[in-house]
Amino acid sequence: MPTAKTLPAPDDVAAPPADAKKTASGLAMKVLVPGKGDHPGPEDKVSVHYTGWTTDGKMFDSSVVRGEPTSFRVNGVIKGWTEGLQLMSKGEKARLWIPAQLAYGEHPRPGMPAGMLVFDVELLDFTPAPKPPAVPPDVKAAPANATKTASGLAYRVLQKGTGTKHPTAESRVKVHYSGWTTDGKMFDSSVVRGEPASFRLNGVIKGWTEGVQLMVEGEKTRFWIPGNLAYGDNPRPGAPAGTLVFDIELLAIE
């Protein structure tokens, strides 16, 4: 008999049944309780109840047992969840059979379940992500009224600040920001995530270290950061290349 801290495994935990829908990625899904309305997007924040089992019926995690729903961004979890949640609507409860390559793998780090995982997921609610900010009209190059420093950094104040103190290179700051390449492609944004970023100024790219020290609290500034002050013209995989444009709002010097 299951204890108070476990929930019994579904009868079909070993493999998805014939009536489960399969996607091109290998994810299998069966709706247990239909929902209504729109589907969440990859940047949306969801609130869910869930229970997870390995295919031999062992429960390894459950928000239901803990008695507390879990909240997170759809694209901040394993691939099988990111895909599956976008197929669900509010109030829906579904069973997901997630193959290893969409979960933690066949040989995950210690403490994580291996192989195919089975989840019962109930989408309680979701909050749409903030809309991405518009691409700056001057994203291609710094305009004539931008100030340029000896390093090659260019900037223009968009909103005057309310503070009087500037951070130092050793300061920890809290900011909201969005970044674009000069062809107008946004590659990162704390605004879209809905969460400000905090970091030490001496721990980021050179253009940020220099530029944010020119700001005061409450100020919003646009920076044109050349490649040699960013990630370079041939950066590591996944990092943007060349000149980058950032809108940065200094929320606080911590």
C-alpha atoms as a PDB file:
ATOM      1  CA  MET A   1       0.000   0.000   0.000  1.00  0.00           C
ATOM      2  CA  PRO A   2       1.281   3.520  -0.755  1.00  0.00           C
ATOM      3  CA  THR A   3       2.357   5.545   2.251  1.00  0.00           C
ATOM      4  CA  ALA A   4       1.109   9.050   3.038  1.00  0.00           C
ATOM      5  CA  LYS A   5       4.155  10.360   1.194  1.00  0.00           C
ATOM      6  CA  THR A   6       3.635   8.512  -2.084  1.00  0.00           C
ATOM      7  CA  LEU A   7       0.941   8.337  -4.712  1.00  0.00           C
ATOM      8  CA  PRO A   8       0.211   5.127  -6.621  1.00  0.00           C
ATOM      9  CA  ALA A   9       1.550   4.912 -10.145  1.00  0.00           C
ATOM     10  CA  PRO A  10      -0.883   4.964 -13.085  1.00  0.00           C
ATOM     11  CA  ASP A  11      -1.756   1.608 -14.632  1.00  0.00           C
ATOM     12  CA  ASP A  12      -0.106   2.702 -17.879  1.00  0.00           C
ATOM     13  CA  VAL A  13       3.106   3.989 -16.289  1.00  0.00           C
ATOM     14  CA  ALA A  14       5.338   1.485 -18.118  1.00  0.00           C
ATOM     15  CA  ALA A  15       4.546   2.778 -21.614  1.00  0.00           C
ATOM     16  CA  PRO A  16       2.121   5.179 -23.308  1.00  0.00           C
ATOM     17  CA  PRO A  17      -1.158   3.501 -24.325  1.00  0.00           C
ATOM     18  CA  ALA A  18      -2.481   3.362 -27.876  1.00  0.00           C
ATOM     19  CA  ASP A  19      -4.781   6.350 -27.322  1.00  0.00           C
ATOM     20  CA  ALA A  20      -1.934   8.652 -26.246  1.00  0.00           C
ATOM     21  CA  LYS A  21      -0.963  11.287 -28.781  1.00  0.00           C
ATOM     22  CA  LYS A  22       2.680  11.319 -29.825  1.00  0.00           C
ATOM     23  CA  THR A  23       4.622  14.294 -31.134  1.00  0.00           C
ATOM     24  CA  ALA A  24       7.563  14.374 -33.519  1.00  0.00           C
ATOM     25  CA  SER A  25       9.991  14.788 -30.605  1.00  0.00           C
ATOM     26  CA  GLY A  26       8.914  11.508 -28.977  1.00  0.00           C
ATOM     27  CA  LEU A  27       6.706  13.039 -26.286  1.00  0.00           C
ATOM     28  CA  ALA A  28       3.469  11.136 -25.616  1.00  0.00           C
ATOM     29  CA  MET A  29       0.460  12.775 -23.990  1.00  0.00           C
ATOM     30  CA  LYS A  30      -3.023  11.829 -22.858  1.00  0.00           C
ATOM     31  CA  VAL A  31      -5.598  14.352 -21.599  1.00  0.00           C
ATOM     32  CA  LEU A  32      -7.167  13.205 -18.326  1.00  0.00           C
ATOM     33  CA  VAL A  33      -9.312  16.282 -17.634  1.00  0.00           C
ATOM     34  CA  PRO A  34      -9.980  18.779 -20.451  1.00  0.00           C
ATOM     35  CA  GLY A  35      -9.213  22.450 -19.949  1.00  0.00           C
ATOM     36  CA  LYS A  36     -10.458  25.641 -21.572  1.00  0.00           C
ATOM     37  CA  GLY A  37      -8.930  28.641 -23.225  1.00  0.00           C
ATOM     38  CA  ASP A  38      -5.532  29.548 -24.614  1.00  0.00           C
ATOM     39  CA  HIS A  39      -2.253  27.703 -24.314  1.00  0.00           C
ATOM     40  CA  PRO A  40       0.772  29.155 -22.495  1.00  0.00           C
ATOM     41  CA  GLY A  41       3.787  30.281 -24.503  1.00  0.00           C
ATOM     42  CA  PRO A  42       7.431  29.434 -23.817  1.00  0.00           C
ATOM     43  CA  GLU A  43       8.082  32.651 -21.836  1.00  0.00           C
ATOM     44  CA  ASP A  44       4.842  32.495 -19.816  1.00  0.00           C
ATOM     45  CA  LYS A  45       4.838  31.689 -16.115  1.00  0.00           C
ATOM     46  CA  VAL A  46       2.675  28.732 -15.113  1.00  0.00           C
ATOM     47  CA  SER A  47       1.303  27.357 -11.864  1.00  0.00           C
ATOM     48  CA  VAL A  48       0.955  23.572 -11.798  1.00  0.00           C
ATOM     49  CA  HIS A  49       0.359  20.553  -9.619  1.00  0.00           C
ATOM     50  CA  TYR A  50       2.236  17.442 -10.698  1.00  0.00           C
ATOM     51  CA  THR A  51       3.457  13.993  -9.740  1.00  0.00           C
ATOM     52  CA  GLY A  52       6.298  12.134 -11.433  1.00  0.00           C
ATOM     53  CA  TRP A  53       7.113   8.423 -11.653  1.00  0.00           C
ATOM     54  CA  THR A  54       9.773   6.305 -13.306  1.00  0.00           C
ATOM     55  CA  THR A  55       8.411   3.623 -15.646  1.00  0.00           C
ATOM     56  CA  ASP A  56       8.796   0.968 -12.924  1.00  0.00           C
ATOM     57  CA  GLY A  57       6.201   2.854 -10.874  1.00  0.00           C
ATOM     58  CA  LYS A  58       8.446   4.615  -8.364  1.00  0.00           C
ATOM     59  CA  MET A  59       7.298   8.142  -7.478  1.00  0.00           C
ATOM     60  CA  PHE A  60      10.234  10.554  -7.327  1.00  0.00           C
ATOM     61  CA  ASP A  61       8.519  13.931  -6.919  1.00  0.00           C
ATOM     62  CA  SER A  62       5.085  15.403  -6.265  1.00  0.00           C
ATOM     63  CA  SER A  63       3.806  18.906  -5.574  1.00  0.00           C
ATOM     64  CA  VAL A  64       0.514  17.219  -4.669  1.00  0.00           C
ATOM     65  CA  VAL A  65       2.167  15.391  -1.772  1.00  0.00           C
ATOM     66  CA  ARG A  66       3.873  18.608  -0.666  1.00  0.00           C
ATOM     67  CA  GLY A  67       0.524  20.395  -0.830  1.00  0.00           C
ATOM     68  CA  GLU A  68       1.964  23.375  -2.715  1.00  0.00           C
ATOM     69  CA  PRO A  69       1.629  24.155  -6.427  1.00  0.00           C
ATOM     70  CA  THR A  70       4.845  24.950  -8.301  1.00  0.00           C
ATOM     71  CA  SER A  71       5.405  28.037 -10.462  1.00  0.00           C
ATOM     72  CA  PHE A  72       8.030  28.525 -13.168  1.00  0.00           C
ATOM     73  CA  ARG A  73       8.584  29.764 -16.724  1.00  0.00           C
ATOM     74  CA  VAL A  74       7.599  27.250 -19.390  1.00  0.00           C
ATOM     75  CA  ASN A  75      11.041  27.365 -21.022  1.00  0.00           C
ATOM     76  CA  GLY A  76      12.853  27.014 -17.695  1.00  0.00           C
ATOM     77  CA  VAL A  77      12.320  23.273 -17.206  1.00  0.00           C
ATOM     78  CA  ILE A  78      13.087  20.001 -19.015  1.00  0.00           C
ATOM     79  CA  LYS A  79      12.281  19.916 -22.729  1.00  0.00           C
ATOM     80  CA  GLY A  80       9.387  17.487 -22.335  1.00  0.00           C
ATOM     81  CA  TRP A  81       7.631  19.827 -19.915  1.00  0.00           C
ATOM     82  CA  THR A  82       8.299  22.872 -22.099  1.00  0.00           C
ATOM     83  CA  GLU A  83       6.710  21.130 -25.073  1.00  0.00           C
ATOM     84  CA  GLY A  84       3.869  19.462 -23.186  1.00  0.00           C
ATOM     85  CA  LEU A  85       2.695  22.515 -21.248  1.00  0.00           C
ATOM     86  CA  GLN A  86       2.316  24.507 -24.463  1.00  0.00           C
ATOM     87  CA  LEU A  87      -0.190  21.882 -25.626  1.00  0.00           C
ATOM     88  CA  MET A  88      -2.333  22.324 -22.498  1.00  0.00           C
ATOM     89  CA  SER A  89      -4.940  24.895 -21.485  1.00  0.00           C
ATOM     90  CA  LYS A  90      -5.984  26.243 -18.091  1.00  0.00           C
ATOM     91  CA  GLY A  91      -7.666  23.634 -15.904  1.00  0.00           C
ATOM     92  CA  GLU A  92      -6.378  20.747 -17.992  1.00  0.00           C
ATOM     93  CA  LYS A  93      -4.834  17.660 -16.445  1.00  0.00           C
ATOM     94  CA  ALA A  94      -2.669  15.498 -18.676  1.00  0.00           C
ATOM     95  CA  ARG A  95      -0.356  12.506 -18.427  1.00  0.00           C
ATOM     96  CA  LEU A  96       3.014  12.916 -20.120  1.00  0.00           C
ATOM     97  CA  TRP A  97       5.418  10.146 -21.083  1.00  0.00           C
ATOM     98  CA  ILE A  98       8.700  11.980 -21.529  1.00  0.00           C
ATOM     99  CA  PRO A  99      11.583  10.090 -23.177  1.00  0.00           C
ATOM    100  CA  ALA A 100      15.027  10.385 -21.626  1.00  0.00           C
ATOM    101  CA  GLN A 101      16.344  12.819 -24.234  1.00  0.00           C
ATOM    102  CA  LEU A 102      13.564  15.264 -23.278  1.00  0.00           C
ATOM    103  CA  ALA A 103      14.065  14.708 -19.537  1.00  0.00           C
ATOM    104  CA  TYR A 104      17.328  14.193 -17.601  1.00  0.00           C
ATOM    105  CA  GLY A 105      18.881  11.556 -19.871  1.00  0.00           C
ATOM    106  CA  GLU A 106      19.783   7.915 -19.372  1.00  0.00           C
ATOM    107  CA  HIS A 107      22.692   8.786 -17.091  1.00  0.00           C
ATOM    108  CA  PRO A 108      21.693  11.945 -15.210  1.00  0.00           C
ATOM    109  CA  ARG A 109      23.567  13.631 -12.403  1.00  0.00           C
ATOM    110  CA  PRO A 110      23.206  11.999  -8.966  1.00  0.00           C
ATOM    111  CA  GLY A 111      19.765  12.368  -7.447  1.00  0.00           C
ATOM    112  CA  MET A 112      17.910  12.829 -10.728  1.00  0.00           C
ATOM    113  CA  PRO A 113      15.665  10.135 -12.256  1.00  0.00           C
ATOM    114  CA  ALA A 114      16.921   8.326 -15.356  1.00  0.00           C
ATOM    115  CA  GLY A 115      15.230   7.186 -18.551  1.00  0.00           C
ATOM    116  CA  MET A 116      11.633   7.789 -19.559  1.00  0.00           C
ATOM    117  CA  LEU A 117       9.588   9.676 -16.957  1.00  0.00           C
ATOM    118  CA  VAL A 118       5.827   9.816 -16.510  1.00  0.00           C
ATOM    119  CA  PHE A 119       4.117  12.909 -15.139  1.00  0.00           C
ATOM    120  CA  ASP A 120       0.547  13.755 -14.273  1.00  0.00           C
ATOM    121  CA  VAL A 121       0.404  17.529 -14.709  1.00  0.00           C
ATOM    122  CA  GLU A 122      -2.477  19.877 -13.897  1.00  0.00           C
ATOM    123  CA  LEU A 123      -2.185  23.373 -15.361  1.00  0.00           C
ATOM    124  CA  LEU A 124      -3.783  25.511 -12.676  1.00  0.00           C
ATOM    125  CA  ASP A 125      -3.108  28.906 -14.225  1.00  0.00           C
ATOM    126  CA  PHE A 126      -0.621  30.872 -16.301  1.00  0.00           C
ATOM    127  CA  THR A 127       0.486  34.474 -16.644  1.00  0.00           C
ATOM    128  CA  PRO A 128       1.443  35.704 -20.113  1.00  0.00           C
ATOM    129  CA  ALA A 129       4.967  37.052 -20.379  1.00  0.00           C
ATOM    130  CA  PRO A 130       5.357  40.798 -20.913  1.00  0.00           C
ATOM    131  CA  LYS A 131       5.477  41.720 -24.583  1.00  0.00           C
ATOM    132  CA  PRO A 132       9.013  42.213 -25.891  1.00  0.00           C
ATOM    133  CA  PRO A 133      10.053  45.856 -26.193  1.00  0.00           C
ATOM    134  CA  ALA A 134      10.102  47.399 -29.644  1.00  0.00           C
ATOM    135  CA  VAL A 135      13.330  47.287 -31.607  1.00  0.00           C
ATOM    136  CA  PRO A 136      15.083  50.664 -31.229  1.00  0.00           C
ATOM    137  CA  PRO A 137      14.839  52.773 -34.405  1.00  0.00           C
ATOM    138  CA  ASP A 138      18.579  53.503 -34.146  1.00  0.00           C
ATOM    139  CA  VAL A 139      19.653  49.901 -33.569  1.00  0.00           C
ATOM    140  CA  LYS A 140      21.898  49.795 -36.653  1.00  0.00           C
ATOM    141  CA  ALA A 141      24.324  52.442 -35.439  1.00  0.00           C
ATOM    142  CA  ALA A 142      24.757  55.059 -32.740  1.00  0.00           C
ATOM    143  CA  PRO A 143      23.113  58.351 -33.792  1.00  0.00           C
ATOM    144  CA  ALA A 144      24.903  61.678 -33.980  1.00  0.00           C
ATOM    145  CA  ASN A 145      23.569  62.761 -30.584  1.00  0.00           C
ATOM    146  CA  ALA A 146      25.022  59.723 -28.792  1.00  0.00           C
ATOM    147  CA  THR A 147      28.009  60.319 -26.507  1.00  0.00           C
ATOM    148  CA  LYS A 148      31.115  58.276 -27.282  1.00  0.00           C
ATOM    149  CA  THR A 149      33.853  57.310 -24.857  1.00  0.00           C
ATOM    150  CA  ALA A 150      37.547  56.680 -25.505  1.00  0.00           C
ATOM    151  CA  SER A 151      36.947  52.907 -25.475  1.00  0.00           C
ATOM    152  CA  GLY A 152      34.467  53.058 -28.365  1.00  0.00           C
ATOM    153  CA  LEU A 153      31.340  52.731 -26.213  1.00  0.00           C
ATOM    154  CA  ALA A 154      28.438  54.949 -27.329  1.00  0.00           C
ATOM    155  CA  TYR A 155      25.396  55.819 -25.252  1.00  0.00           C
ATOM    156  CA  ARG A 156      22.304  57.992 -25.106  1.00  0.00           C
ATOM    157  CA  VAL A 157      20.196  58.699 -22.015  1.00  0.00           C
ATOM    158  CA  LEU A 158      16.551  57.788 -22.636  1.00  0.00           C
ATOM    159  CA  GLN A 159      15.200  58.627 -19.181  1.00  0.00           C
ATOM    160  CA  LYS A 160      16.893  60.782 -16.578  1.00  0.00           C
ATOM    161  CA  GLY A 161      17.561  59.165 -13.212  1.00  0.00           C
ATOM    162  CA  THR A 162      16.434  60.172  -9.757  1.00  0.00           C
ATOM    163  CA  GLY A 163      19.626  59.195  -7.935  1.00  0.00           C
ATOM    164  CA  THR A 164      22.864  61.120  -7.542  1.00  0.00           C
ATOM    165  CA  LYS A 165      25.380  58.329  -6.896  1.00  0.00           C
ATOM    166  CA  HIS A 166      27.094  56.278  -9.579  1.00  0.00           C
ATOM    167  CA  PRO A 167      27.987  52.615  -9.006  1.00  0.00           C
ATOM    168  CA  THR A 168      31.622  51.522  -9.032  1.00  0.00           C
ATOM    169  CA  ALA A 169      33.079  48.493 -10.789  1.00  0.00           C
ATOM    170  CA  GLU A 170      32.769  46.577  -7.507  1.00  0.00           C
ATOM    171  CA  SER A 171      29.128  47.558  -6.956  1.00  0.00           C
ATOM    172  CA  ARG A 172      26.261  45.098  -7.143  1.00  0.00           C
ATOM    173  CA  VAL A 173      23.396  46.491  -9.204  1.00  0.00           C
ATOM    174  CA  LYS A 174      19.817  45.570 -10.074  1.00  0.00           C
ATOM    175  CA  VAL A 175      18.750  46.332 -13.641  1.00  0.00           C
ATOM    176  CA  HIS A 176      16.150  45.703 -16.283  1.00  0.00           C
ATOM    177  CA  TYR A 177      17.568  45.344 -19.772  1.00  0.00           C
ATOM    178  CA  SER A 178      16.979  44.208 -23.335  1.00  0.00           C
ATOM    179  CA  GLY A 179      19.668  43.448 -25.899  1.00  0.00           C
ATOM    180  CA  TRP A 180      19.648  43.406 -29.700  1.00  0.00           C
ATOM    181  CA  THR A 181      22.125  42.726 -32.464  1.00  0.00           C
ATOM    182  CA  THR A 182      22.432  45.550 -35.003  1.00  0.00           C
ATOM    183  CA  ASP A 183      20.071  43.748 -37.411  1.00  0.00           C
ATOM    184  CA  GLY A 184      17.288  44.161 -34.828  1.00  0.00           C
ATOM    185  CA  LYS A 185      17.193  40.640 -33.381  1.00  0.00           C
ATOM    186  CA  MET A 186      16.572  40.577 -29.633  1.00  0.00           C
ATOM    187  CA  PHE A 187      18.786  37.969 -27.955  1.00  0.00           C
ATOM    188  CA  ASP A 188      18.067  38.588 -24.276  1.00  0.00           C
ATOM    189  CA  SER A 189      15.651  40.564 -22.098  1.00  0.00           C
ATOM    190  CA  SER A 190      14.974  40.667 -18.376  1.00  0.00           C
ATOM    191  CA  VAL A 191      11.847  42.658 -19.282  1.00  0.00           C
ATOM    192  CA  VAL A 192      10.381  39.687 -21.156  1.00  0.00           C
ATOM    193  CA  ARG A 193      11.291  37.356 -18.294  1.00  0.00           C
ATOM    194  CA  GLY A 194       9.593  39.739 -15.865  1.00  0.00           C
ATOM    195  CA  GLU A 195      12.521  39.503 -13.459  1.00  0.00           C
ATOM    196  CA  PRO A 196      15.239  42.134 -12.932  1.00  0.00           C
ATOM    197  CA  ALA A 197      18.844  40.942 -13.051  1.00  0.00           C
ATOM    198  CA  SER A 198      21.354  41.460 -10.229  1.00  0.00           C
ATOM    199  CA  PHE A 199      25.125  41.163 -10.585  1.00  0.00           C
ATOM    200  CA  ARG A 200      28.462  42.765  -9.795  1.00  0.00           C
ATOM    201  CA  LEU A 201      29.622  45.187 -12.460  1.00  0.00           C
ATOM    202  CA  ASN A 202      33.097  43.669 -12.616  1.00  0.00           C
ATOM    203  CA  GLY A 203      31.557  40.304 -13.542  1.00  0.00           C
ATOM    204  CA  VAL A 204      29.974  41.221 -16.881  1.00  0.00           C
ATOM    205  CA  ILE A 205      31.133  42.315 -20.346  1.00  0.00           C
ATOM    206  CA  LYS A 206      33.450  45.350 -20.464  1.00  0.00           C
ATOM    207  CA  GLY A 207      30.847  47.567 -22.125  1.00  0.00           C
ATOM    208  CA  TRP A 208      28.444  46.976 -19.262  1.00  0.00           C
ATOM    209  CA  THR A 209      31.118  47.503 -16.617  1.00  0.00           C
ATOM    210  CA  GLU A 210      32.008  50.851 -18.141  1.00  0.00           C
ATOM    211  CA  GLY A 211      28.529  51.959 -19.162  1.00  0.00           C
ATOM    212  CA  VAL A 212      26.530  51.246 -16.016  1.00  0.00           C
ATOM    213  CA  GLN A 213      29.072  53.229 -13.965  1.00  0.00           C
ATOM    214  CA  LEU A 214      27.973  56.290 -15.952  1.00  0.00           C
ATOM    215  CA  MET A 215      24.378  55.855 -14.744  1.00  0.00           C
ATOM    216  CA  VAL A 216      22.452  56.791 -11.592  1.00  0.00           C
ATOM    217  CA  GLU A 217      19.444  55.018 -10.075  1.00  0.00           C
ATOM    218  CA  GLY A 218      16.261  55.447 -12.098  1.00  0.00           C
ATOM    219  CA  GLU A 219      18.129  56.202 -15.292  1.00  0.00           C
ATOM    220  CA  LYS A 220      17.452  54.374 -18.542  1.00  0.00           C
ATOM    221  CA  THR A 221      20.169  54.456 -21.198  1.00  0.00           C
ATOM    222  CA  ARG A 222      20.763  52.959 -24.630  1.00  0.00           C
ATOM    223  CA  PHE A 223      24.276  51.616 -25.247  1.00  0.00           C
ATOM    224  CA  TRP A 224      26.011  50.664 -28.483  1.00  0.00           C
ATOM    225  CA  ILE A 225      28.750  48.264 -27.385  1.00  0.00           C
ATOM    226  CA  PRO A 226      31.399  47.300 -29.965  1.00  0.00           C
ATOM    227  CA  GLY A 227      32.411  43.654 -30.253  1.00  0.00           C
ATOM    228  CA  ASN A 228      35.708  44.129 -28.401  1.00  0.00           C
ATOM    229  CA  LEU A 229      33.752  45.341 -25.341  1.00  0.00           C
ATOM    230  CA  ALA A 230      31.109  42.599 -25.659  1.00  0.00           C
ATOM    231  CA  TYR A 231      31.571  38.955 -26.719  1.00  0.00           C
ATOM    232  CA  GLY A 232      33.786  39.604 -29.757  1.00  0.00           C
ATOM    233  CA  ASP A 233      33.194  39.118 -33.462  1.00  0.00           C
ATOM    234  CA  ASN A 234      33.592  35.320 -33.172  1.00  0.00           C
ATOM    235  CA  PRO A 235      32.140  34.539 -29.738  1.00  0.00           C
ATOM    236  CA  ARG A 236      31.546  31.224 -28.053  1.00  0.00           C
ATOM    237  CA  PRO A 237      28.519  29.264 -29.309  1.00  0.00           C
ATOM    238  CA  GLY A 238      25.255  30.826 -28.187  1.00  0.00           C
ATOM    239  CA  ALA A 239      26.676  34.308 -27.532  1.00  0.00           C
ATOM    240  CA  PRO A 240      25.810  37.204 -29.888  1.00  0.00           C
ATOM    241  CA  ALA A 241      28.554  38.545 -32.161  1.00  0.00           C
ATOM    242  CA  GLY A 242      29.717  42.019 -33.063  1.00  0.00           C
ATOM    243  CA  THR A 243      28.275  45.318 -31.887  1.00  0.00           C
ATOM    244  CA  LEU A 244      25.399  44.904 -29.433  1.00  0.00           C
ATOM    245  CA  VAL A 245      22.712  47.396 -28.459  1.00  0.00           C
ATOM    246  CA  PHE A 246      21.298  47.412 -24.932  1.00  0.00           C
ATOM    247  CA  ASP A 247      18.558  49.414 -23.258  1.00  0.00           C
ATOM    248  CA  ILE A 248      19.458  49.343 -19.556  1.00  0.00           C
ATOM    249  CA  GLU A 249      17.447  50.718 -16.635  1.00  0.00           C
ATOM    250  CA  LEU A 250      19.393  51.003 -13.372  1.00  0.00           C
ATOM    251  CA  LEU A 251      16.837  50.106 -10.725  1.00  0.00           C
ATOM    252  CA  ALA A 252      19.107  50.044  -7.697  1.00  0.00           C
ATOM    253  CA  ILE A 253      22.686  50.046  -6.469  1.00  0.00           C
ATOM    254  CA  GLU A 254      22.625  47.241  -3.918  1.00  0.00           C
END
